[in-house]
Each structure stands twice: as structure tokens, then as C-alpha cells.
């Protein structure tokens, strides 16, 4: 076969073969596994894609296995810190929920829902909860469902309600250091986590402010509002947890550490540790219930064994608190470090796939091909954003889209003298936020099912998700805070 020339590196046409195979396999995975694809099927697909790279390279180009082994190990070594961060994120998520930190945030956040500004307040509440939990999916599937009921009772169109919920949740997820997609985008591009988040604010904040302005205007023009459901949710939270403004000190301490630019690992460790102490002081009945498997009893005492066991489970395992409200039960349920193992598996599988692409020379061939068509900064960022959107459409998953887009453009940004944070921002401005707008994407399918609102019905109202990619291109065009290193 002439396409497989035996001398030199693979051509760009040959280099596309593993991506085509991966796309087909991922399509079958999405079809047969649906929203559970990330439990392991997608990871296997990545490893299968890596095997295609190895087979082509060893048979037609005589690349030795030793080259692939070293390249794979280098890739996985590069994301080792991210794996530790992900596990600590799981510990923070569990301890913050059990300690009552997140429930307190929700409780006081609900107070801002004034009938005349429902969509505006909904967007802010979802943003705050997503920042604290690091999960847009959890925010939408719990508080989002409750807000759909409130908005429907107030006479809002379902598409508008879902648009406000999704816009807020994805903004919070995007800027949260607890978010697995944020960690994945920064690590895939080789950018320190907090550097990535700070640089992303340049495009994210304007996009969110425009979104809030739209929702505020629409809310002020709306009539027949009611906030009855808010009181019920607030009462259920207060009955299950000891709610106190003192609990807000935990996120305040965490925010101060972030501002002081303390390393992500140290910041997350302290956040989890402080939340654990808070849980022992403020929520002993919940720790006792987790340790014994019983329904929380506010009057029950806490033995040393129960406190020790309950606290450790909150860090690493699944926890559930009975609040008397099904939606809240889902929100306050956590999976701790164990819940991050799927993402860790994904990072290792992606590192394997990326390592084979580097070792085979295929990634270099694709990058060289792209370089010939990219002459300016705005063209480069536009191409990155377009690839992130396209990858979401063909792979059906935001995680894979982040990884593939970062892998394709990482060397190009470096060779052109641009800092890696420009790549990580461009990837997250597209691959992360656009996923929920695609009906056959795992995010689009999940949110449409959870909210019971079709993807195409809420798509026109997800203003943040639509504006973010365009804002990324606009900022690249004017060059604001974009530094190019001298060669």
C-alpha cells in the first residue's frame, strides 16, 4: 500500500487512521454504554486506539517497542501531579459535604432567590454550588432539578430555566479548582492549575457577565413569580445539618490560600483537613450515621471509633445523608477519592494513547500539517476552538475532546512561542462548555434526561456556553494579556 511508505515518519494521512478508528469505536461505546461510557469503556477505546498506532508503526515503520514504552511513561509521569490533585479533590468534595460547608452555601444561596430576579439568581446559585462542588453534573442533577420546579411554577419557559441552570453550573465548574475537567484541561496542556484558572478569567468573566445581564433583563420583564419551593429546600437542609455562617470560614480559608498562590496540592490538603475538623465539631450526628449506616440522629452522641470511621469514609468512600428530600439526598451524596478513580483511569489511558502518538511521530506529522495552514495567533486559537467543538461532535465526550485537542496543538503553541496557558484556556473555552449543547454527547444526553428538557430546547438559552468560544477568539484577536516568548 503506497500510503504506508516505509521510510521516515508517517504522513498526516496515515496519522489520521488511529483517530478515525478511535472515533468509530467511541461511537459504538456511546451507543451501547450511553452515559456510563466513562466507567471504563471509553478508556478501553483509548487503549485500543493506542494499539492501532503501535501496530502501524511497528509493522510499516519499524519503530521499536522501547520507544513507545519510554514515550508512554513520560506522558504518564507528566500527569502524575494531576492524579494526586484529583484524589485530593475527591477528599475535599466528600469532607465539604459531610461537614455541612456545601449545604450551608446552598442554604444561604437560596436566600437570594427574589421572585423578580429568578433566572439571574438561578444562574448565580448554580455557579456558586458548582464552584464549591467542582461538578456541573451534580449541580444540575440536584439543585437544577429543584430550580426547574420553581421556575415552572413561576411561569418560565423550560428552555430559559435550563439555560440559566446550565450556564451557571458550567461557569462554576470551569473556574473551580475542584473540577476534574479544569484539572484535565490544565494538565493536558502542561499548565499549573491555578495559573490556568487565573488566565481563564480573562475570557470567562466577561462571558458570564453578559450572560447574567441577559437573564436579569428577562427576569425583570417576567410576572407571576413564587418562591415556595425555596423555603422547603432550605428547611430540609436546616433539619439535616447544623447550618451556621461559621462554616463559611472553610471556603474563605481555601480562597485565601488560592489568592496567596499556595500550591494546589497543599491548598486541597488543608481544605480537606479543615473540613474534617469542622465535621467533627458541627456534624457529629452525620459522621455517626455514616459510620453505623443508620439515619442521622441530631441527638445522638459520637464515639471516637464512629468519628474516626465516619471521617475517613467521607474522605475516600460513598456517603449519603437522609434529608427527607430526594433531590437533596442526591446532592449531598458523595463518592470521595473513590469517585475520582474513573477519571484517573481516563488520564492513564489518554497518556498511553498520547504517548504512542508522540513515539510514532504521528502527532508531529499532524501538527506539521496544521502549522502550514496557521499563520496568525487568532487563526491558531480559532482552529483550537473549532477542533474542541468538532471533537465533541465526533467523540461524544468532553473529556476525550479536551485530551485530543490539547495533544494536537500542544507542540504548535510551544513552537510558536506561546505559553501553555493560552492553549489550556482555548481548549476549556470550547471542549468543556460546548459538550452540553450537542444532543448525542454524553453531557447533552445526561442533562436533557435529568432536566427532562430536550437539548435543542435549552440550547438557544445557554448563553455562557455559546459566548465562551466566541470570547476566546475575540480576546485572541485583540491580544489582551497574551505574551509571546522570543525564540
Protein backbone atom coordinates (compact mmCIF):
# COMPACT_ATOMS: atom_id res chain seq x y z
CA UNK A 1 0.00 0.00 0.00
CA UNK A 2 1.56 3.26 -1.15
CA UNK A 3 0.03 5.28 1.67
CA UNK A 4 2.24 3.38 4.13
CA UNK A 5 5.67 4.44 2.95
CA UNK A 6 8.30 2.52 4.90
CA UNK A 7 10.90 5.26 5.20
CA UNK A 8 10.73 8.28 7.55
CA UNK A 9 7.78 9.26 9.70
CA UNK A 10 4.11 8.51 8.97
CA UNK A 11 2.37 11.02 6.69
CA UNK A 12 -0.51 13.10 8.01
CA UNK A 13 -2.95 10.83 6.15
CA UNK A 14 -1.60 7.74 7.92
CA UNK A 15 -1.57 9.65 11.21
CA UNK A 16 -5.30 10.24 10.87
CA UNK A 17 -6.06 6.49 10.80
CA UNK A 18 -5.87 5.96 14.60
CA UNK A 19 -8.17 8.96 15.12
CA UNK A 20 -10.67 7.58 12.61
CA UNK A 21 -10.59 4.17 14.28
CA UNK A 22 -10.92 5.77 17.72
CA UNK A 23 -13.89 7.84 16.55
CA UNK A 24 -15.68 4.73 15.25
CA UNK A 25 -15.01 2.75 18.42
CA UNK A 26 -16.10 5.66 20.62
CA UNK A 27 -19.29 5.97 18.58
CA UNK A 28 -20.08 2.34 19.37
CA UNK A 29 -19.19 2.90 23.02
CA UNK A 30 -21.57 5.86 23.29
CA UNK A 31 -24.29 3.89 21.52
CA UNK A 32 -24.09 0.79 23.72
CA UNK A 33 -22.93 2.28 27.05
CA UNK A 34 -24.55 5.73 26.97
CA UNK A 35 -23.80 7.90 30.00
CA UNK A 36 -21.86 5.08 31.69
CA UNK A 37 -19.20 5.14 28.94
CA UNK A 38 -16.66 6.79 31.25
CA UNK A 39 -16.90 3.92 33.73
CA UNK A 40 -14.29 2.15 31.62
CA UNK A 41 -15.47 1.62 28.05
CA UNK A 42 -14.09 4.93 26.77
CA UNK A 43 -10.77 4.21 28.45
CA UNK A 44 -10.57 0.83 26.73
CA UNK A 45 -11.31 2.58 23.43
CA UNK A 46 -8.31 4.87 24.01
CA UNK A 47 -6.06 1.91 24.72
CA UNK A 48 -7.39 0.21 21.57
CA UNK A 49 -6.55 3.37 19.63
CA UNK A 50 -3.03 3.23 21.07
CA UNK A 51 -2.70 -0.36 19.88
CA UNK A 52 -3.57 0.76 16.33
CA UNK A 53 -0.78 3.37 16.49
CA UNK A 54 1.70 0.78 17.73
CA UNK A 55 0.68 -1.80 15.11
CA UNK A 56 1.02 0.62 12.19
CA UNK A 57 4.33 1.99 13.45
CA UNK A 58 5.98 -1.34 14.27
CA UNK A 59 4.83 -3.11 11.07
CA UNK A 60 5.30 -0.36 8.49
CA UNK A 61 7.87 1.98 10.06
CA UNK A 62 9.93 -0.40 12.20
CA UNK A 63 9.55 1.64 15.39
CA UNK A 64 10.74 -0.41 18.37
CA UNK A 65 8.53 -1.09 21.39
CA UNK A 66 11.18 0.51 23.62
CA UNK A 67 10.42 3.90 22.01
CA UNK A 68 6.71 3.55 22.80
CA UNK A 69 7.35 2.38 26.34
CA UNK A 70 9.53 5.38 27.14
CA UNK A 71 7.10 7.82 25.50
CA UNK A 72 4.11 6.39 27.40
CA UNK A 73 5.97 6.53 30.71
CA UNK A 74 6.99 10.14 30.04
CA UNK A 75 3.37 11.09 29.36
CA UNK A 76 2.03 9.41 32.48
CA UNK A 77 4.86 10.87 34.58
CA UNK A 78 3.89 14.34 33.34
CA UNK A 79 0.33 13.98 34.71
CA UNK A 80 1.35 12.34 37.98
CA UNK A 81 0.70 15.55 39.93
CA UNK A 82 -2.75 15.84 38.39
CA UNK A 83 -3.64 12.37 39.63
CA UNK A 84 -2.74 13.36 43.19
CA UNK A 85 -4.79 16.56 42.79
CA UNK A 86 -7.80 14.58 41.56
CA UNK A 87 -7.68 12.27 44.56
CA UNK A 88 -7.45 15.26 46.91
CA UNK A 89 -10.41 16.82 45.09
CA UNK A 90 -12.40 13.71 45.93
CA UNK A 91 -11.43 14.08 49.60
CA UNK A 92 -12.41 17.77 49.59
CA UNK A 93 -15.75 17.08 47.90
CA UNK A 94 -16.66 14.43 50.45
CA UNK A 95 -15.48 16.31 53.54
CA UNK A 96 -17.03 19.62 52.50
CA UNK A 97 -20.40 17.97 52.02
CA UNK A 98 -20.34 15.92 55.23
CA UNK A 99 -19.07 18.86 57.30
CA UNK A 100 -22.00 21.00 56.14
CA UNK A 101 -19.89 23.52 54.22
CA UNK A 102 -21.61 22.96 50.87
CA UNK A 103 -25.11 22.62 52.42
CA UNK A 104 -24.52 25.95 54.16
CA UNK A 105 -23.53 27.52 50.84
CA UNK A 106 -26.72 26.17 49.31
CA UNK A 107 -28.85 27.31 52.26
CA UNK A 108 -27.69 30.91 52.15
CA UNK A 109 -27.56 30.89 48.37
CA UNK A 110 -31.25 30.03 48.27
CA UNK A 111 -31.97 33.20 50.21
CA UNK A 112 -31.03 35.34 47.23
CA UNK A 113 -33.82 33.98 45.05
CA UNK A 114 -36.02 37.05 44.87
CA UNK A 115 -39.07 36.40 42.64
CA UNK A 116 -38.31 39.34 40.37
CA UNK A 117 -34.81 38.04 39.50
CA UNK A 118 -35.33 34.27 39.32
CA UNK A 119 -33.23 33.47 36.23
CA UNK A 120 -30.48 35.83 37.36
CA UNK A 121 -30.42 34.29 40.85
CA UNK A 122 -30.65 30.75 39.48
CA UNK A 123 -27.57 31.30 37.35
CA UNK A 124 -25.61 32.68 40.32
CA UNK A 125 -26.72 29.92 42.71
CA UNK A 126 -25.75 27.18 40.28
CA UNK A 127 -22.43 28.92 39.68
CA UNK A 128 -21.66 29.11 43.41
CA UNK A 129 -22.61 25.49 44.06
CA UNK A 130 -20.60 24.28 41.05
CA UNK A 131 -17.57 26.25 42.23
CA UNK A 132 -17.80 24.65 45.67
CA UNK A 133 -18.50 21.11 44.42
CA UNK A 134 -16.45 21.25 41.23
CA UNK A 135 -19.22 19.43 39.38
CA UNK A 136 -21.70 20.83 36.87
CA UNK A 137 -23.38 17.43 36.60
CA UNK A 138 -24.08 17.21 40.33
CA UNK A 139 -25.31 20.80 40.45
CA UNK A 140 -27.69 20.32 37.52
CA UNK A 141 -28.97 16.93 38.66
CA UNK A 142 -29.85 18.14 42.15
CA UNK A 143 -30.36 21.86 42.72
CA UNK A 144 -31.03 22.25 39.00
CA UNK A 145 -33.96 19.85 39.16
CA UNK A 146 -35.41 21.76 42.13
CA UNK A 147 -34.99 25.06 40.29
CA UNK A 148 -36.81 23.68 37.25
CA UNK A 149 -39.81 23.04 39.52
CA UNK A 150 -39.60 26.54 40.97
CA UNK A 151 -39.26 28.19 37.58
CA UNK A 152 -42.09 26.18 36.07
CA UNK A 153 -44.38 27.22 38.93
CA UNK A 154 -43.41 30.82 38.24
CA UNK A 155 -44.39 30.51 34.60
CA UNK A 156 -40.96 30.50 32.95
CA UNK A 157 -40.34 28.58 29.74
CA UNK A 158 -38.41 25.33 30.39
CA UNK A 159 -35.69 26.28 27.89
CA UNK A 160 -34.95 29.54 29.74
CA UNK A 161 -34.80 27.77 33.10
CA UNK A 162 -32.44 25.09 31.82
CA UNK A 163 -30.31 27.73 30.10
CA UNK A 164 -29.82 29.63 33.36
CA UNK A 165 -29.04 26.44 35.28
CA UNK A 166 -26.55 25.10 32.73
CA UNK A 167 -24.87 28.49 32.18
CA UNK A 168 -24.27 28.93 35.90
CA UNK A 169 -23.23 25.33 36.51
CA UNK A 170 -20.71 25.29 33.68
CA UNK A 171 -19.24 28.63 34.70
CA UNK A 172 -18.74 27.35 38.25
CA UNK A 173 -17.36 24.03 37.05
CA UNK A 174 -14.99 25.79 34.67
CA UNK A 175 -13.38 28.08 37.27
CA UNK A 176 -13.40 25.63 40.19
CA UNK A 177 -10.08 24.05 41.26
CA UNK A 178 -12.19 21.07 42.34
CA UNK A 179 -13.37 20.37 38.79
CA UNK A 180 -11.99 17.30 37.02
CA UNK A 181 -12.37 18.95 33.60
CA UNK A 182 -10.44 22.00 34.78
CA UNK A 183 -7.67 19.80 36.13
CA UNK A 184 -7.71 17.73 32.94
CA UNK A 185 -7.50 20.79 30.66
CA UNK A 186 -4.63 22.32 32.61
CA UNK A 187 -2.69 19.06 32.91
CA UNK A 188 -3.21 18.07 29.26
CA UNK A 189 -1.71 21.39 28.16
CA UNK A 190 1.02 21.34 30.82
CA UNK A 191 -0.27 24.41 32.69
CA UNK A 192 -0.26 24.75 36.53
CA UNK A 193 -3.84 24.53 37.78
CA UNK A 194 -4.20 27.97 39.38
CA UNK A 195 -2.29 29.64 36.53
CA UNK A 196 -4.83 28.11 34.16
CA UNK A 197 -7.79 29.32 36.25
CA UNK A 198 -6.47 32.88 36.62
CA UNK A 199 -5.74 33.22 32.90
CA UNK A 200 -9.13 31.75 32.04
CA UNK A 201 -10.85 34.56 33.96
CA UNK A 202 -9.96 36.95 31.12
CA UNK A 203 -12.47 35.24 28.82
CA UNK A 204 -14.76 33.58 31.36
CA UNK A 205 -15.75 36.57 33.47
CA UNK A 206 -16.88 38.77 30.54
CA UNK A 207 -18.85 35.84 29.10
CA UNK A 208 -20.55 35.26 32.44
CA UNK A 209 -21.33 38.94 32.99
CA UNK A 210 -23.00 39.17 29.58
CA UNK A 211 -24.96 36.03 30.43
CA UNK A 212 -26.10 37.44 33.78
CA UNK A 213 -27.18 40.69 32.13
CA UNK A 214 -29.41 38.79 29.71
CA UNK A 215 -31.01 36.71 32.45
CA UNK A 216 -31.53 39.79 34.65
CA UNK A 217 -33.36 41.67 31.91
CA UNK A 218 -35.57 38.69 31.09
CA UNK A 219 -36.35 38.10 34.79
CA UNK A 220 -37.33 41.73 35.37
CA UNK A 221 -39.75 41.51 32.46
CA UNK A 222 -41.43 38.39 33.87
CA UNK A 223 -44.54 38.27 36.10
CA UNK A 224 -46.37 35.82 38.40
CA UNK A 225 -43.42 34.63 40.48
CA UNK A 226 -43.33 32.48 43.61
CA UNK A 227 -40.55 31.16 45.87
CA UNK A 228 -42.46 28.45 47.79
CA UNK A 229 -40.10 25.61 46.85
CA UNK A 230 -37.08 27.53 48.14
CA UNK A 231 -38.41 27.54 51.67
CA UNK A 232 -38.97 23.77 51.57
CA UNK A 233 -35.42 23.08 50.41
CA UNK A 234 -33.98 25.47 53.00
CA UNK A 235 -35.98 23.85 55.80
CA UNK A 236 -34.88 20.34 54.75
CA UNK A 237 -31.24 21.42 54.75
CA UNK A 238 -31.53 23.01 58.17
CA UNK A 239 -33.23 19.92 59.58
CA UNK A 240 -30.48 17.60 58.32
CA UNK A 241 -27.41 19.76 59.02
CA UNK A 242 -26.27 22.21 61.67
CA UNK A 243 -26.24 25.25 59.38
CA UNK A 244 -24.07 28.14 60.53
CA UNK A 245 -22.32 31.08 58.86
CA UNK A 246 -19.17 29.97 60.72
CA UNK A 247 -18.95 27.06 58.30
CA UNK A 248 -18.23 29.56 55.53
CA UNK A 249 -14.79 30.06 57.08
CA UNK A 250 -13.65 26.85 55.37
CA UNK A 251 -14.16 28.17 51.80
CA UNK A 252 -12.81 31.55 52.92
CA UNK A 253 -9.58 29.92 54.14
CA UNK A 254 -9.36 27.96 50.89
CA UNK A 255 -9.89 31.12 48.84
CA UNK A 256 -7.11 32.89 50.76
CA UNK A 257 -4.72 30.03 50.05
CA UNK A 258 -5.58 30.25 46.35
CA UNK A 259 -5.03 34.03 46.33
CA UNK A 260 -1.68 33.52 48.07
CA UNK A 261 -0.75 31.13 45.22
CA UNK A 262 -0.15 28.20 47.56
CA UNK A 263 0.35 25.02 45.51
CA UNK A 264 -2.81 23.16 44.54
CA UNK A 265 -1.85 20.00 46.45
CA UNK A 266 -1.16 21.89 49.69
CA UNK A 267 -4.32 24.00 49.30
CA UNK A 268 -6.56 21.00 48.72
CA UNK A 269 -4.98 19.04 51.57
CA UNK A 270 -5.57 21.90 54.02
CA UNK A 271 -9.12 22.37 52.71
CA UNK A 272 -9.91 18.70 53.33
CA UNK A 273 -8.20 18.68 56.73
CA UNK A 274 -10.01 21.80 58.00
CA UNK A 275 -13.34 20.46 56.72
CA UNK A 276 -12.71 17.20 58.58
CA UNK A 277 -12.18 19.05 61.85
CA UNK A 278 -15.31 21.08 61.12
CA UNK A 279 -17.31 17.88 60.56
CA UNK A 280 -16.26 16.52 63.96
CA UNK A 281 -17.38 19.74 65.64
CA UNK A 282 -20.52 20.68 63.70
CA UNK A 283 -21.95 17.45 62.25
CA UNK A 284 -21.19 14.61 64.72
CA UNK A 285 -24.61 13.02 64.10
CA UNK A 286 -23.86 12.71 60.37
CA UNK A 287 -20.45 11.13 60.98
CA UNK A 288 -22.08 8.66 63.37
CA UNK A 289 -24.70 7.80 60.76
CA UNK A 290 -22.05 7.26 58.08
CA UNK A 291 -20.03 5.02 60.38
CA UNK A 292 -23.00 2.92 61.52
CA UNK A 293 -25.18 3.06 58.41
CA UNK A 294 -28.14 4.47 60.35
CA UNK A 295 -30.36 7.51 59.74
CA UNK A 296 -28.74 10.66 61.24
CA UNK A 297 -30.00 11.44 64.73
CA UNK A 298 -29.15 15.01 65.85
CA UNK A 299 -29.43 13.95 69.50
CA UNK A 300 -27.02 11.02 69.16
CA UNK A 301 -23.50 11.22 70.57
CA UNK A 302 -20.28 10.45 68.72
CA UNK A 303 -17.75 7.90 69.95
CA UNK A 304 -14.10 8.07 68.95
CA UNK A 305 -14.47 4.97 66.74
CA UNK A 306 -17.53 6.41 64.95
CA UNK A 307 -15.86 9.77 64.41
CA UNK A 308 -12.67 8.17 63.07
CA UNK A 309 -14.52 5.78 60.77
CA UNK A 310 -17.09 8.32 59.55
CA UNK A 311 -14.43 10.93 58.80
CA UNK A 312 -12.24 8.54 56.83
CA UNK A 313 -15.21 7.26 54.82
CA UNK A 314 -16.10 10.86 53.94
CA UNK A 315 -12.61 11.25 52.52
CA UNK A 316 -12.41 8.11 50.43
CA UNK A 317 -15.83 6.48 50.05
CA UNK A 318 -19.51 6.89 49.33
CA UNK A 319 -21.63 8.83 51.79
CA UNK A 320 -25.35 9.56 51.94
CA UNK A 321 -27.40 11.77 54.27
CA UNK A 322 -31.14 11.44 54.61
CA UNK A 323 -32.73 14.89 54.36
CA UNK A 324 -36.31 13.92 53.62
CA UNK A 325 -35.94 15.43 50.14
CA UNK A 326 -35.00 13.13 47.23
CA UNK A 327 -33.26 15.90 45.25
CA UNK A 328 -31.20 16.96 48.25
CA UNK A 329 -30.34 13.36 49.04
CA UNK A 330 -28.70 13.13 45.61
CA UNK A 331 -26.88 16.43 46.11
CA UNK A 332 -25.35 15.61 49.48
CA UNK A 333 -24.32 12.10 48.44
CA UNK A 334 -20.59 11.94 47.70
CA UNK A 335 -18.06 9.39 46.45
CA UNK A 336 -14.82 10.80 47.85
CA UNK A 337 -11.49 9.70 46.42
CA UNK A 338 -13.09 6.56 45.03
CA UNK A 339 -15.29 8.66 42.78
CA UNK A 340 -12.19 10.04 41.04
CA UNK A 341 -10.77 6.67 40.03
CA UNK A 342 -12.66 6.69 36.71
CA UNK A 343 -11.04 10.00 35.77
CA UNK A 344 -7.63 8.71 36.90
CA UNK A 345 -8.17 5.68 34.66
CA UNK A 346 -9.05 8.06 31.82
CA UNK A 347 -5.89 10.12 32.32
CA UNK A 348 -3.70 6.99 32.28
CA UNK A 349 -5.46 5.66 29.14
CA UNK A 350 -5.16 9.07 27.47
CA UNK A 351 -1.50 9.24 28.47
CA UNK A 352 -0.99 5.86 26.82
CA UNK A 353 -2.71 6.98 23.60
CA UNK A 354 -0.85 10.30 23.55
CA UNK A 355 2.45 8.58 24.28
CA UNK A 356 2.11 6.26 21.31
CA UNK A 357 1.23 9.21 19.05
CA UNK A 358 4.39 11.02 20.16
CA UNK A 359 6.63 7.95 19.93
CA UNK A 360 5.38 7.05 16.47
CA UNK A 361 5.85 10.56 15.09
CA UNK A 362 2.18 10.75 14.10
CA UNK A 363 1.44 13.69 16.38
CA UNK A 364 4.35 15.58 14.86
CA UNK A 365 3.03 14.88 11.34
CA UNK A 366 -0.44 16.17 12.21
CA UNK A 367 1.00 19.25 13.92
CA UNK A 368 3.20 19.99 10.92
CA UNK A 369 0.17 19.72 8.65
CA UNK A 370 -1.82 22.13 10.84
CA UNK A 371 1.13 24.53 11.01
CA UNK A 372 1.08 25.00 7.27
CA UNK A 373 -2.44 26.44 7.46
CA UNK A 374 -1.99 28.53 10.62
CA UNK A 375 -0.10 31.79 10.22
CA UNK A 376 -1.53 34.09 12.93
CA UNK A 377 -2.44 33.90 16.60
CA UNK A 378 -6.15 34.37 16.04
CA UNK A 379 -6.12 31.64 13.39
CA UNK A 380 -4.38 29.29 15.82
CA UNK A 381 -6.87 29.92 18.63
CA UNK A 382 -9.83 29.75 16.24
CA UNK A 383 -8.55 26.41 14.95
CA UNK A 384 -8.15 25.15 18.53
CA UNK A 385 -11.68 26.21 19.45
CA UNK A 386 -13.08 24.66 16.28
CA UNK A 387 -11.25 21.41 16.97
CA UNK A 388 -12.66 21.33 20.52
CA UNK A 389 -16.20 21.70 19.19
CA UNK A 390 -15.65 19.17 16.40
CA UNK A 391 -14.07 16.66 18.79
CA UNK A 392 -17.17 16.88 21.00
CA UNK A 393 -19.32 16.09 17.98
CA UNK A 394 -17.31 13.11 16.76
CA UNK A 395 -16.26 11.57 20.09
CA UNK A 396 -19.41 12.38 22.06
CA UNK A 397 -17.44 13.16 25.21
CA UNK A 398 -15.90 16.33 26.69
CA UNK A 399 -13.04 14.53 28.45
CA UNK A 400 -11.79 12.93 25.26
CA UNK A 401 -12.26 16.21 23.40
CA UNK A 402 -10.05 18.02 25.92
CA UNK A 403 -7.34 15.39 25.66
CA UNK A 404 -7.34 15.11 21.86
CA UNK A 405 -7.41 18.87 21.25
CA UNK A 406 -4.58 19.50 23.73
CA UNK A 407 -2.48 16.73 22.19
CA UNK A 408 -2.90 18.08 18.66
CA UNK A 409 -1.93 21.67 19.45
CA UNK A 410 0.49 21.44 22.37
CA UNK A 411 3.67 21.40 20.28
CA UNK A 412 2.33 24.04 17.88
CA UNK A 413 1.75 26.56 20.69
CA UNK A 414 5.19 25.83 22.08
CA UNK A 415 6.91 26.19 18.72
CA UNK A 416 5.12 29.49 18.08
CA UNK A 417 6.35 30.82 21.43
CA UNK A 418 3.02 30.99 23.24
CA UNK A 419 2.58 29.98 26.86
CA UNK A 420 0.72 26.74 27.55
CA UNK A 421 -1.99 28.64 29.44
CA UNK A 422 -3.25 30.07 26.14
CA UNK A 423 -3.78 26.51 24.88
CA UNK A 424 -5.44 25.26 28.08
CA UNK A 425 -7.79 28.27 28.08
CA UNK A 426 -8.69 27.86 24.42
CA UNK A 427 -9.39 24.17 24.98
CA UNK A 428 -11.62 24.73 28.00
CA UNK A 429 -13.42 27.66 26.35
CA UNK A 430 -14.55 25.19 23.70
CA UNK A 431 -14.24 21.50 24.54
CA UNK A 432 -15.62 21.83 28.08
CA UNK A 433 -18.57 24.17 27.68
CA UNK A 434 -19.87 23.15 24.24
CA UNK A 435 -20.31 19.47 25.15
CA UNK A 436 -23.68 20.06 26.81
CA UNK A 437 -25.07 21.67 23.63
CA UNK A 438 -24.66 18.53 21.50
CA UNK A 439 -27.64 16.13 21.75
CA UNK A 440 -25.61 12.93 21.22
CA UNK A 441 -22.76 13.99 23.51
CA UNK A 442 -22.70 12.31 26.93
CA UNK A 443 -23.18 15.72 28.60
CA UNK A 444 -26.05 16.72 26.31
CA UNK A 445 -27.79 13.38 26.79
CA UNK A 446 -27.35 13.45 30.54
CA UNK A 447 -28.64 16.99 31.14
CA UNK A 448 -31.60 16.56 28.78
CA UNK A 449 -32.57 13.39 30.66
CA UNK A 450 -32.06 14.86 34.13
CA UNK A 451 -33.88 18.14 33.47
CA UNK A 452 -36.47 16.47 31.19
CA UNK A 453 -35.90 19.27 28.67
CA UNK A 454 -34.60 18.33 25.18
CA UNK A 455 -31.12 19.59 24.30
CA UNK A 456 -32.32 21.59 21.31
CA UNK A 457 -34.95 23.30 23.52
CA UNK A 458 -32.40 24.69 26.01
CA UNK A 459 -29.53 25.20 23.55
CA UNK A 460 -30.51 28.77 22.46
CA UNK A 461 -30.62 29.92 26.11
CA UNK A 462 -27.25 28.53 27.29
CA UNK A 463 -25.69 31.92 26.68
CA UNK A 464 -22.50 31.30 28.64
CA UNK A 465 -21.76 28.11 26.72
CA UNK A 466 -22.35 29.86 23.39
CA UNK A 467 -20.46 33.07 24.21
CA UNK A 468 -17.34 31.45 25.74
CA UNK A 469 -15.83 30.07 22.49
CA UNK A 470 -16.54 33.34 20.69
CA UNK A 471 -14.99 35.34 23.55
CA UNK A 472 -11.86 33.19 23.39
CA UNK A 473 -11.46 34.01 19.70
CA UNK A 474 -12.18 37.72 20.29
CA UNK A 475 -9.60 38.05 23.09
CA UNK A 476 -7.01 36.29 20.95
CA UNK A 477 -7.71 38.75 18.14
CA UNK A 478 -7.04 41.81 20.32
CA UNK A 479 -4.15 40.06 22.10
CA UNK A 480 -5.12 41.10 25.65
CA UNK A 481 -2.64 39.65 28.19
CA UNK A 482 -1.30 37.21 25.60
CA UNK A 483 2.50 37.08 25.74
CA UNK A 484 4.67 35.58 23.03
CA UNK A 485 8.08 34.42 24.09
CA UNK A 486 11.04 35.39 21.93
CA UNK A 487 12.55 32.49 20.03
